[in-house]
């Protein structure tokens, strides 16, 4: 769904209580919001409950959906706040950990060798991302995987845009180094 489709669905929900549009919005955002909540609460069941609670609250206040300027930011902030409230209630320390990294399931070829190389590269990238510091991983996920703009990610995480930029620079540099090192090691072992 693009932003125009999202806006159209929100209008239909707000004006007509359209359940089908609500299901589209729910399906579009659920996995991304679940991953965000999971990184904060570290419990799949709690994260699912939190995301569902956010959507129940949205349905109850559906008339207000039309006034949402930036839906992506709105949903991320709502889930982040609900997740932090959950932690406060559980008297647990907030620890950000990206245990769930989404993978692209796009394949451009059905050639077995190409598929194997693509899977190998995907695994190397996932491993490199897993090695990033927690805040770098979260920022990388929001900007590079979920497509939020720097300003939107900064709003979601209560950080400055400069912090987002510098953390992404760190993440990009570390990913490049890790991928370059594994490629260099592979070439060296190939010659032995």
N, C-alpha and C. Protein backbone atom coordinates (compact mmCIF):
# COMPACT_ATOMS: atom_id res chain seq x y z
N UNK A 1 0.84 -1.19 0.00
CA UNK A 1 0.00 0.00 0.00
C UNK A 1 0.88 1.24 0.00
N UNK A 2 0.54 2.19 -0.84
CA UNK A 2 1.27 3.45 -0.80
C UNK A 2 0.50 4.43 0.09
N UNK A 3 1.08 5.60 0.29
CA UNK A 3 0.49 6.58 1.21
C UNK A 3 -0.91 7.03 0.77
N UNK A 4 -1.13 7.08 -0.52
CA UNK A 4 -2.45 7.47 -1.02
C UNK A 4 -3.50 6.41 -0.67
N UNK A 5 -3.14 5.13 -0.82
CA UNK A 5 -4.05 4.05 -0.45
C UNK A 5 -4.35 4.07 1.05
N UNK A 6 -3.30 4.30 1.83
CA UNK A 6 -3.46 4.34 3.28
C UNK A 6 -4.40 5.47 3.67
N UNK A 7 -4.18 6.65 3.10
CA UNK A 7 -5.03 7.81 3.38
C UNK A 7 -6.48 7.51 2.99
N UNK A 8 -6.69 6.87 1.83
CA UNK A 8 -8.04 6.53 1.37
C UNK A 8 -8.72 5.57 2.36
N UNK A 9 -7.98 4.54 2.79
CA UNK A 9 -8.53 3.58 3.76
C UNK A 9 -8.89 4.26 5.08
N UNK A 10 -8.01 5.14 5.55
CA UNK A 10 -8.28 5.85 6.81
C UNK A 10 -9.54 6.71 6.70
N UNK A 11 -9.72 7.34 5.54
CA UNK A 11 -10.92 8.15 5.33
C UNK A 11 -12.18 7.28 5.35
N UNK A 12 -12.12 6.13 4.68
CA UNK A 12 -13.28 5.22 4.65
C UNK A 12 -13.59 4.69 6.05
N UNK A 13 -12.55 4.41 6.82
CA UNK A 13 -12.76 3.94 8.19
C UNK A 13 -13.41 5.04 9.02
N UNK A 14 -12.86 6.26 8.92
CA UNK A 14 -13.35 7.38 9.73
C UNK A 14 -14.77 7.78 9.36
N UNK A 15 -15.06 7.81 8.07
CA UNK A 15 -16.35 8.32 7.62
C UNK A 15 -17.45 7.26 7.57
N UNK A 16 -17.06 6.01 7.25
CA UNK A 16 -18.07 4.98 7.03
C UNK A 16 -17.94 3.78 7.96
N UNK A 17 -16.89 3.76 8.79
CA UNK A 17 -16.66 2.59 9.64
C UNK A 17 -16.38 1.34 8.82
N UNK A 18 -15.70 1.52 7.69
CA UNK A 18 -15.45 0.44 6.74
C UNK A 18 -14.50 -0.61 7.32
N UNK A 19 -15.03 -1.79 7.60
CA UNK A 19 -14.25 -2.88 8.22
C UNK A 19 -13.20 -3.40 7.25
N UNK A 20 -13.53 -3.48 5.98
CA UNK A 20 -12.59 -3.99 4.98
C UNK A 20 -11.34 -3.10 4.90
N UNK A 21 -11.53 -1.81 4.93
CA UNK A 21 -10.39 -0.87 4.90
C UNK A 21 -9.57 -1.01 6.18
N UNK A 22 -10.26 -1.22 7.30
CA UNK A 22 -9.55 -1.40 8.57
C UNK A 22 -8.67 -2.65 8.51
N UNK A 23 -9.21 -3.72 7.93
CA UNK A 23 -8.43 -4.96 7.80
C UNK A 23 -7.21 -4.75 6.91
N UNK A 24 -7.35 -3.94 5.87
CA UNK A 24 -6.22 -3.63 4.99
C UNK A 24 -5.12 -2.89 5.77
N UNK A 25 -5.53 -1.89 6.54
CA UNK A 25 -4.57 -1.13 7.34
C UNK A 25 -3.90 -2.05 8.36
N UNK A 26 -4.69 -2.86 9.01
CA UNK A 26 -4.17 -3.80 10.00
C UNK A 26 -3.14 -4.74 9.36
N UNK A 27 -3.48 -5.33 8.23
CA UNK A 27 -2.58 -6.25 7.53
C UNK A 27 -1.30 -5.56 7.08
N UNK A 28 -1.44 -4.33 6.64
CA UNK A 28 -0.28 -3.58 6.15
C UNK A 28 0.72 -3.28 7.26
N UNK A 29 0.24 -2.93 8.43
CA UNK A 29 1.11 -2.48 9.51
C UNK A 29 1.46 -3.54 10.55
N UNK A 30 0.68 -4.59 10.66
CA UNK A 30 0.80 -5.49 11.80
C UNK A 30 2.22 -6.03 12.02
N UNK A 31 2.83 -6.64 11.02
CA UNK A 31 4.14 -7.27 11.19
C UNK A 31 5.19 -6.24 11.57
N UNK A 32 5.19 -5.10 10.91
CA UNK A 32 6.18 -4.06 11.23
C UNK A 32 6.02 -3.56 12.66
N UNK A 33 4.78 -3.35 13.06
CA UNK A 33 4.53 -2.86 14.42
C UNK A 33 4.83 -3.94 15.45
N UNK A 34 4.57 -5.19 15.11
CA UNK A 34 4.89 -6.30 15.99
C UNK A 34 6.40 -6.36 16.24
N UNK A 35 7.18 -6.21 15.19
CA UNK A 35 8.64 -6.24 15.33
C UNK A 35 9.13 -5.09 16.20
N UNK A 36 8.56 -3.93 16.02
CA UNK A 36 8.94 -2.78 16.84
C UNK A 36 8.63 -3.06 18.31
N UNK A 37 7.43 -3.51 18.58
CA UNK A 37 7.04 -3.78 19.96
C UNK A 37 7.91 -4.89 20.55
N UNK A 38 8.19 -5.91 19.76
CA UNK A 38 9.02 -7.02 20.25
C UNK A 38 10.41 -6.55 20.65
N UNK A 39 10.97 -5.61 19.88
CA UNK A 39 12.31 -5.11 20.22
C UNK A 39 12.31 -4.40 21.57
N UNK A 40 11.17 -3.93 21.99
CA UNK A 40 11.08 -3.21 23.26
C UNK A 40 10.71 -4.14 24.40
N UNK A 41 9.71 -5.02 24.20
CA UNK A 41 9.21 -5.83 25.31
C UNK A 41 9.79 -7.24 25.37
N UNK A 42 10.42 -7.70 24.30
CA UNK A 42 11.06 -9.02 24.25
C UNK A 42 10.13 -10.19 24.51
N UNK A 43 8.89 -10.04 24.14
CA UNK A 43 7.93 -11.13 24.29
C UNK A 43 6.97 -11.06 23.11
N UNK A 44 6.93 -12.14 22.35
CA UNK A 44 6.07 -12.16 21.16
C UNK A 44 4.60 -12.00 21.55
N UNK A 45 4.19 -12.72 22.58
CA UNK A 45 2.79 -12.67 23.00
C UNK A 45 2.41 -11.26 23.47
N UNK A 46 3.28 -10.65 24.26
CA UNK A 46 3.01 -9.29 24.75
C UNK A 46 3.01 -8.30 23.60
N UNK A 47 3.94 -8.47 22.67
CA UNK A 47 4.00 -7.57 21.51
C UNK A 47 2.73 -7.68 20.67
N UNK A 48 2.25 -8.91 20.46
CA UNK A 48 1.01 -9.10 19.71
C UNK A 48 -0.16 -8.42 20.43
N UNK A 49 -0.22 -8.58 21.73
CA UNK A 49 -1.28 -7.98 22.52
C UNK A 49 -1.22 -6.45 22.43
N UNK A 50 -0.02 -5.90 22.51
CA UNK A 50 0.16 -4.45 22.44
C UNK A 50 -0.31 -3.92 21.09
N UNK A 51 0.13 -4.55 20.01
CA UNK A 51 -0.26 -4.08 18.67
C UNK A 51 -1.77 -4.20 18.50
N UNK A 52 -2.33 -5.30 18.94
CA UNK A 52 -3.78 -5.46 18.82
C UNK A 52 -4.53 -4.42 19.67
N UNK A 53 -4.01 -4.12 20.85
CA UNK A 53 -4.62 -3.07 21.69
C UNK A 53 -4.61 -1.73 20.98
N UNK A 54 -3.50 -1.43 20.31
CA UNK A 54 -3.40 -0.16 19.57
C UNK A 54 -4.47 -0.12 18.48
N UNK A 55 -4.65 -1.22 17.76
CA UNK A 55 -5.66 -1.24 16.70
C UNK A 55 -7.08 -1.20 17.25
N UNK A 56 -7.32 -1.83 18.38
CA UNK A 56 -8.65 -1.74 19.01
C UNK A 56 -8.94 -0.29 19.39
N UNK A 57 -7.96 0.37 19.96
CA UNK A 57 -8.13 1.77 20.34
C UNK A 57 -8.37 2.64 19.11
N UNK A 58 -7.66 2.34 18.02
CA UNK A 58 -7.86 3.09 16.77
C UNK A 58 -9.28 2.90 16.25
N UNK A 59 -9.80 1.67 16.35
CA UNK A 59 -11.16 1.42 15.87
C UNK A 59 -12.17 2.20 16.71
N UNK A 60 -11.94 2.22 18.02
CA UNK A 60 -12.85 2.94 18.91
C UNK A 60 -12.85 4.43 18.63
N UNK A 61 -11.72 4.95 18.18
CA UNK A 61 -11.61 6.38 17.87
C UNK A 61 -11.50 6.60 16.36
N UNK A 62 -12.18 5.76 15.60
CA UNK A 62 -12.04 5.78 14.15
C UNK A 62 -12.37 7.12 13.49
N UNK A 63 -13.26 7.89 14.12
CA UNK A 63 -13.62 9.19 13.55
C UNK A 63 -12.43 10.14 13.51
N UNK A 64 -11.46 9.91 14.38
CA UNK A 64 -10.28 10.79 14.47
C UNK A 64 -9.20 10.40 13.47
N UNK A 65 -9.33 9.24 12.83
CA UNK A 65 -8.29 8.75 11.92
C UNK A 65 -8.06 9.70 10.74
N UNK A 66 -9.09 10.40 10.35
CA UNK A 66 -8.97 11.30 9.21
C UNK A 66 -8.00 12.46 9.48
N UNK A 67 -7.80 12.76 10.75
CA UNK A 67 -6.92 13.89 11.10
C UNK A 67 -5.45 13.49 11.22
N UNK A 68 -5.13 12.20 11.04
CA UNK A 68 -3.74 11.76 11.13
C UNK A 68 -2.98 12.24 9.90
N UNK A 69 -1.93 13.02 10.16
CA UNK A 69 -1.15 13.59 9.07
C UNK A 69 -0.17 12.58 8.47
N UNK A 70 0.57 11.88 9.34
CA UNK A 70 1.56 10.91 8.88
C UNK A 70 1.27 9.57 9.55
N UNK A 71 0.50 8.71 8.87
CA UNK A 71 0.08 7.44 9.47
C UNK A 71 1.24 6.57 9.96
N UNK A 72 2.31 6.44 9.17
CA UNK A 72 3.44 5.60 9.59
C UNK A 72 3.97 6.04 10.94
N UNK A 73 4.25 7.31 11.07
CA UNK A 73 4.80 7.86 12.31
C UNK A 73 3.79 7.69 13.44
N UNK A 74 2.54 7.96 13.16
CA UNK A 74 1.49 7.85 14.18
C UNK A 74 1.42 6.43 14.75
N UNK A 75 1.39 5.42 13.86
CA UNK A 75 1.28 4.03 14.31
C UNK A 75 2.54 3.60 15.07
N UNK A 76 3.71 3.98 14.58
CA UNK A 76 4.95 3.61 15.26
C UNK A 76 5.01 4.23 16.66
N UNK A 77 4.65 5.49 16.76
CA UNK A 77 4.69 6.16 18.07
C UNK A 77 3.67 5.54 19.01
N UNK A 78 2.48 5.23 18.50
CA UNK A 78 1.45 4.62 19.35
C UNK A 78 1.94 3.27 19.90
N UNK A 79 2.54 2.45 19.06
CA UNK A 79 3.03 1.15 19.51
C UNK A 79 4.23 1.31 20.44
N UNK A 80 5.12 2.24 20.12
CA UNK A 80 6.27 2.46 20.99
C UNK A 80 5.81 2.88 22.38
N UNK A 81 4.89 3.84 22.44
CA UNK A 81 4.39 4.32 23.74
C UNK A 81 3.67 3.23 24.52
N UNK A 82 2.85 2.45 23.84
CA UNK A 82 2.13 1.35 24.50
C UNK A 82 3.11 0.30 25.00
N UNK A 83 4.17 0.04 24.24
CA UNK A 83 5.19 -0.92 24.66
C UNK A 83 5.95 -0.43 25.88
N UNK A 84 6.28 0.85 25.89
CA UNK A 84 6.97 1.42 27.04
C UNK A 84 6.07 1.43 28.27
N UNK A 85 4.78 1.71 28.07
CA UNK A 85 3.83 1.63 29.18
C UNK A 85 3.79 0.21 29.75
N UNK A 86 3.79 -0.77 28.87
CA UNK A 86 3.79 -2.17 29.30
C UNK A 86 5.02 -2.45 30.18
N UNK A 87 6.20 -1.98 29.72
CA UNK A 87 7.42 -2.20 30.50
C UNK A 87 7.34 -1.53 31.87
N UNK A 88 6.82 -0.31 31.89
CA UNK A 88 6.69 0.39 33.16
C UNK A 88 5.80 -0.40 34.11
N UNK A 89 4.72 -0.92 33.58
CA UNK A 89 3.80 -1.70 34.42
C UNK A 89 4.44 -3.00 34.88
N UNK A 90 5.31 -3.55 34.08
CA UNK A 90 5.97 -4.81 34.44
C UNK A 90 7.23 -4.57 35.27
N UNK A 91 7.57 -3.29 35.51
CA UNK A 91 8.79 -2.93 36.24
C UNK A 91 10.03 -3.57 35.65
N UNK A 92 10.06 -3.58 34.33
CA UNK A 92 11.22 -4.14 33.64
C UNK A 92 12.02 -3.00 33.03
N UNK A 93 13.27 -3.26 32.85
CA UNK A 93 14.17 -2.30 32.24
C UNK A 93 13.99 -2.34 30.72
N UNK A 94 13.96 -1.17 30.10
CA UNK A 94 13.84 -1.08 28.66
C UNK A 94 15.18 -1.46 28.01
N UNK A 95 15.14 -2.51 27.23
CA UNK A 95 16.33 -2.93 26.49
C UNK A 95 15.91 -3.14 25.05
N UNK A 96 16.58 -2.45 24.15
CA UNK A 96 16.25 -2.60 22.75
C UNK A 96 17.12 -3.69 22.14
N UNK A 97 16.47 -4.64 21.51
CA UNK A 97 17.18 -5.73 20.87
C UNK A 97 16.41 -6.14 19.64
N UNK A 98 17.04 -6.12 18.51
CA UNK A 98 16.34 -6.51 17.29
C UNK A 98 16.57 -7.98 17.01
N UNK A 99 15.76 -8.82 17.58
CA UNK A 99 15.89 -10.25 17.34
C UNK A 99 15.20 -10.64 16.04
N UNK A 100 14.27 -9.79 15.61
CA UNK A 100 13.55 -10.09 14.38
C UNK A 100 13.96 -9.11 13.29
N UNK A 101 14.57 -9.58 12.29
CA UNK A 101 14.93 -8.75 11.15
C UNK A 101 14.16 -9.30 9.96
N UNK A 102 13.43 -8.41 9.31
CA UNK A 102 12.66 -8.89 8.17
C UNK A 102 13.59 -9.22 7.02
N UNK A 103 13.20 -10.19 6.26
CA UNK A 103 13.98 -10.58 5.10
C UNK A 103 13.17 -10.32 3.85
N UNK A 104 13.86 -9.94 2.80
CA UNK A 104 13.21 -9.76 1.51
C UNK A 104 13.07 -11.13 0.86
N UNK A 105 11.88 -11.43 0.42
CA UNK A 105 11.66 -12.73 -0.21
C UNK A 105 11.58 -12.59 -1.73
N UNK A 106 12.11 -11.50 -2.24
CA UNK A 106 12.08 -11.28 -3.68
C UNK A 106 13.22 -12.03 -4.34
N UNK A 107 12.90 -12.71 -5.39
CA UNK A 107 13.92 -13.40 -6.16
C UNK A 107 13.78 -12.97 -7.60
N UNK A 108 14.90 -12.66 -8.23
CA UNK A 108 14.86 -12.22 -9.62
C UNK A 108 15.11 -13.36 -10.59
N UNK A 109 15.52 -14.51 -10.08
CA UNK A 109 15.82 -15.63 -10.94
C UNK A 109 15.47 -16.93 -10.24
N UNK A 110 15.14 -17.94 -11.04
CA UNK A 110 14.88 -19.25 -10.47
C UNK A 110 16.06 -20.18 -10.67
N UNK A 111 17.15 -19.66 -11.20
CA UNK A 111 18.37 -20.42 -11.39
C UNK A 111 18.89 -20.86 -10.02
N UNK A 112 19.10 -22.16 -9.78
CA UNK A 112 19.53 -22.65 -8.46
C UNK A 112 20.81 -21.99 -7.95
N UNK A 113 21.77 -21.76 -8.85
CA UNK A 113 23.02 -21.12 -8.41
C UNK A 113 22.77 -19.69 -7.96
N UNK A 114 21.95 -18.96 -8.70
CA UNK A 114 21.63 -17.59 -8.34
C UNK A 114 20.86 -17.56 -7.02
N UNK A 115 19.93 -18.47 -6.84
CA UNK A 115 19.15 -18.54 -5.59
C UNK A 115 20.08 -18.83 -4.42
N UNK A 116 21.03 -19.77 -4.61
CA UNK A 116 21.97 -20.10 -3.55
C UNK A 116 22.84 -18.89 -3.20
N UNK A 117 23.35 -18.18 -4.21
CA UNK A 117 24.18 -16.99 -3.96
C UNK A 117 23.36 -15.89 -3.30
N UNK A 118 22.11 -15.73 -3.73
CA UNK A 118 21.24 -14.72 -3.14
C UNK A 118 20.98 -15.05 -1.67
N UNK A 119 20.69 -16.31 -1.38
CA UNK A 119 20.47 -16.73 0.01
C UNK A 119 21.72 -16.55 0.85
N UNK A 120 22.88 -16.86 0.28
CA UNK A 120 24.14 -16.70 0.99
C UNK A 120 24.38 -15.22 1.32
N UNK A 121 24.16 -14.35 0.34
CA UNK A 121 24.33 -12.91 0.57
C UNK A 121 23.33 -12.41 1.60
N UNK A 122 22.08 -12.87 1.51
CA UNK A 122 21.04 -12.47 2.47
C UNK A 122 21.44 -12.88 3.89
N UNK A 123 21.99 -14.08 4.03
CA UNK A 123 22.43 -14.56 5.35
C UNK A 123 23.60 -13.74 5.87
N UNK A 124 24.52 -13.37 4.99
CA UNK A 124 25.66 -12.54 5.40
C UNK A 124 25.17 -11.17 5.87
N UNK A 125 24.23 -10.60 5.13
CA UNK A 125 23.69 -9.29 5.50
C UNK A 125 22.96 -9.38 6.83
N UNK A 126 22.15 -10.42 7.02
CA UNK A 126 21.43 -10.59 8.28
C UNK A 126 22.40 -10.75 9.44
N UNK A 127 23.46 -11.53 9.24
CA UNK A 127 24.47 -11.71 10.28
C UNK A 127 25.15 -10.38 10.60
N UNK A 128 25.47 -9.62 9.56
CA UNK A 128 26.11 -8.32 9.76
C UNK A 128 25.19 -7.37 10.52
N UNK A 129 23.90 -7.38 10.19
CA UNK A 129 22.93 -6.52 10.87
C UNK A 129 22.79 -6.95 12.33
N UNK A 130 22.79 -8.26 12.57
CA UNK A 130 22.68 -8.77 13.95
C UNK A 130 23.85 -8.33 14.82
N UNK A 131 24.99 -8.06 14.21
CA UNK A 131 26.18 -7.66 14.96
C UNK A 131 26.21 -6.16 15.29
N UNK A 132 25.26 -5.42 14.74
CA UNK A 132 25.21 -3.98 15.03
C UNK A 132 24.77 -3.74 16.47
N UNK A 133 25.21 -2.62 17.06
CA UNK A 133 24.69 -2.25 18.38
C UNK A 133 23.17 -2.07 18.32
N UNK A 134 22.50 -2.25 19.43
CA UNK A 134 21.04 -2.25 19.48
C UNK A 134 20.41 -1.01 18.85
N UNK A 135 20.90 0.18 19.21
CA UNK A 135 20.30 1.40 18.69
C UNK A 135 20.53 1.51 17.19
N UNK A 136 21.73 1.14 16.73
CA UNK A 136 22.01 1.15 15.29
C UNK A 136 21.05 0.23 14.55
N UNK A 137 20.82 -0.97 15.11
CA UNK A 137 19.93 -1.93 14.47
C UNK A 137 18.51 -1.38 14.37
N UNK A 138 18.04 -0.79 15.45
CA UNK A 138 16.68 -0.27 15.45
C UNK A 138 16.53 0.85 14.43
N UNK A 139 17.48 1.76 14.40
CA UNK A 139 17.43 2.87 13.45
C UNK A 139 17.53 2.34 12.02
N UNK A 140 18.44 1.41 11.79
CA UNK A 140 18.60 0.80 10.47
C UNK A 140 17.28 0.16 10.03
N UNK A 141 16.63 -0.57 10.94
CA UNK A 141 15.37 -1.23 10.62
C UNK A 141 14.29 -0.22 10.24
N UNK A 142 14.15 0.82 11.05
CA UNK A 142 13.09 1.79 10.79
C UNK A 142 13.30 2.53 9.47
N UNK A 143 14.55 2.91 9.19
CA UNK A 143 14.82 3.71 7.99
C UNK A 143 14.98 2.84 6.75
N UNK A 144 15.84 1.85 6.83
CA UNK A 144 16.18 1.07 5.64
C UNK A 144 15.18 -0.04 5.32
N UNK A 145 14.61 -0.66 6.35
CA UNK A 145 13.70 -1.76 6.09
C UNK A 145 12.24 -1.31 6.06
N UNK A 146 11.86 -0.43 6.98
CA UNK A 146 10.47 0.01 7.04
C UNK A 146 10.21 1.27 6.24
N UNK A 147 11.27 1.93 5.76
CA UNK A 147 11.12 3.06 4.86
C UNK A 147 10.75 4.39 5.50
N UNK A 148 10.94 4.52 6.81
CA UNK A 148 10.66 5.81 7.44
C UNK A 148 11.73 6.82 7.04
N UNK A 149 11.33 8.05 6.95
CA UNK A 149 12.28 9.13 6.69
C UNK A 149 13.04 9.40 7.98
N UNK A 150 14.20 10.05 7.86
CA UNK A 150 15.02 10.35 9.03
C UNK A 150 14.20 11.11 10.08
N UNK A 151 13.44 12.09 9.63
CA UNK A 151 12.65 12.91 10.54
C UNK A 151 11.60 12.06 11.26
N UNK A 152 10.99 11.13 10.54
CA UNK A 152 9.97 10.27 11.12
C UNK A 152 10.59 9.30 12.14
N UNK A 153 11.74 8.72 11.79
CA UNK A 153 12.42 7.82 12.72
C UNK A 153 12.85 8.58 13.97
N UNK A 154 13.31 9.81 13.79
CA UNK A 154 13.71 10.65 14.92
C UNK A 154 12.51 10.90 15.83
N UNK A 155 11.35 11.15 15.25
CA UNK A 155 10.14 11.39 16.04
C UNK A 155 9.72 10.12 16.80
N UNK A 156 9.80 8.97 16.15
CA UNK A 156 9.41 7.72 16.77
C UNK A 156 10.31 7.40 17.97
N UNK A 157 11.61 7.64 17.81
CA UNK A 157 12.57 7.25 18.83
C UNK A 157 12.96 8.39 19.78
N UNK A 158 12.36 9.56 19.62
CA UNK A 158 12.69 10.73 20.43
C UNK A 158 14.18 11.06 20.36
N UNK A 159 14.72 11.06 19.14
CA UNK A 159 16.12 11.39 18.91
C UNK A 159 16.19 12.55 17.92
N UNK A 160 17.36 13.14 17.81
CA UNK A 160 17.55 14.20 16.82
C UNK A 160 17.81 13.57 15.46
N UNK A 161 17.57 14.35 14.42
CA UNK A 161 17.84 13.87 13.06
C UNK A 161 19.33 13.61 12.89
N UNK A 162 20.18 14.42 13.52
CA UNK A 162 21.64 14.23 13.47
C UNK A 162 22.02 12.86 14.06
N UNK A 163 21.36 12.48 15.14
CA UNK A 163 21.64 11.17 15.75
C UNK A 163 21.26 10.05 14.80
N UNK A 164 20.12 10.20 14.14
CA UNK A 164 19.68 9.20 13.15
C UNK A 164 20.72 9.11 12.04
N UNK A 165 21.15 10.25 11.53
CA UNK A 165 22.14 10.27 10.45
C UNK A 165 23.45 9.61 10.88
N UNK A 166 23.93 9.96 12.06
CA UNK A 166 25.21 9.42 12.50
C UNK A 166 25.11 7.92 12.79
N UNK A 167 24.00 7.47 13.37
CA UNK A 167 23.82 6.05 13.64
C UNK A 167 23.72 5.25 12.34
N UNK A 168 23.05 5.82 11.33
CA UNK A 168 22.97 5.14 10.03
C UNK A 168 24.34 5.09 9.37
N UNK A 169 25.13 6.14 9.53
CA UNK A 169 26.48 6.15 8.98
C UNK A 169 27.32 5.06 9.64
N UNK A 170 27.19 4.94 10.96
CA UNK A 170 27.91 3.89 11.70
C UNK A 170 27.45 2.52 11.21
N UNK A 171 26.14 2.34 11.10
CA UNK A 171 25.59 1.04 10.66
C UNK A 171 26.08 0.69 9.27
N UNK A 172 26.04 1.64 8.36
CA UNK A 172 26.47 1.40 6.98
C UNK A 172 27.96 1.04 6.93
N UNK A 173 28.76 1.77 7.69
CA UNK A 173 30.20 1.50 7.72
C UNK A 173 30.47 0.10 8.27
N UNK A 174 29.82 -0.25 9.39
CA UNK A 174 30.04 -1.58 9.99
C UNK A 174 29.55 -2.70 9.08
N UNK A 175 28.41 -2.49 8.42
CA UNK A 175 27.91 -3.50 7.50
C UNK A 175 28.88 -3.69 6.33
N UNK A 176 29.37 -2.59 5.80
CA UNK A 176 30.32 -2.66 4.69
C UNK A 176 31.59 -3.40 5.11
N UNK A 177 32.11 -3.05 6.28
CA UNK A 177 33.32 -3.71 6.78
C UNK A 177 33.09 -5.20 6.99
N UNK A 178 31.98 -5.56 7.60
CA UNK A 178 31.69 -6.97 7.86
C UNK A 178 31.55 -7.74 6.56
N UNK A 179 30.81 -7.19 5.60
CA UNK A 179 30.62 -7.88 4.32
C UNK A 179 31.92 -7.96 3.53
N UNK A 180 32.72 -6.91 3.59
CA UNK A 180 34.01 -6.90 2.91
C UNK A 180 34.95 -7.91 3.54
N UNK A 181 34.97 -7.98 4.87
CA UNK A 181 35.83 -8.93 5.57
C UNK A 181 35.45 -10.37 5.26
N UNK A 182 34.15 -10.68 5.22
CA UNK A 182 33.74 -12.06 4.93
C UNK A 182 34.06 -12.41 3.48
N UNK A 183 33.95 -11.43 2.58
CA UNK A 183 34.27 -11.66 1.17
C UNK A 183 35.77 -11.89 1.00
N UNK A 184 36.60 -11.10 1.71
CA UNK A 184 38.05 -11.24 1.64
C UNK A 184 38.47 -12.59 2.21
N UNK A 185 37.88 -12.99 3.33
CA UNK A 185 38.20 -14.29 3.94
C UNK A 185 37.82 -15.43 3.00
N UNK A 186 36.71 -15.28 2.31
CA UNK A 186 36.27 -16.32 1.39
C UNK A 186 37.25 -16.45 0.23
N UNK A 187 37.73 -15.32 -0.29
CA UNK A 187 38.69 -15.36 -1.39
C UNK A 187 40.00 -16.00 -0.94
N UNK A 188 40.46 -15.68 0.29
CA UNK A 188 41.69 -16.26 0.80
C UNK A 188 41.56 -17.77 0.96
N UNK A 189 40.45 -18.21 1.50
CA UNK A 189 40.26 -19.66 1.69
C UNK A 189 40.08 -20.38 0.36
N UNK A 190 39.62 -19.67 -0.64
CA UNK A 190 39.43 -20.25 -1.97
C UNK A 190 40.77 -20.58 -2.61
N UNK A 191 41.79 -19.77 -2.31
CA UNK A 191 43.11 -19.97 -2.89
C UNK A 191 43.94 -21.00 -2.13
N UNK A 192 43.54 -21.36 -0.93
CA UNK A 192 44.30 -22.33 -0.12
C UNK A 192 44.04 -23.75 -0.54
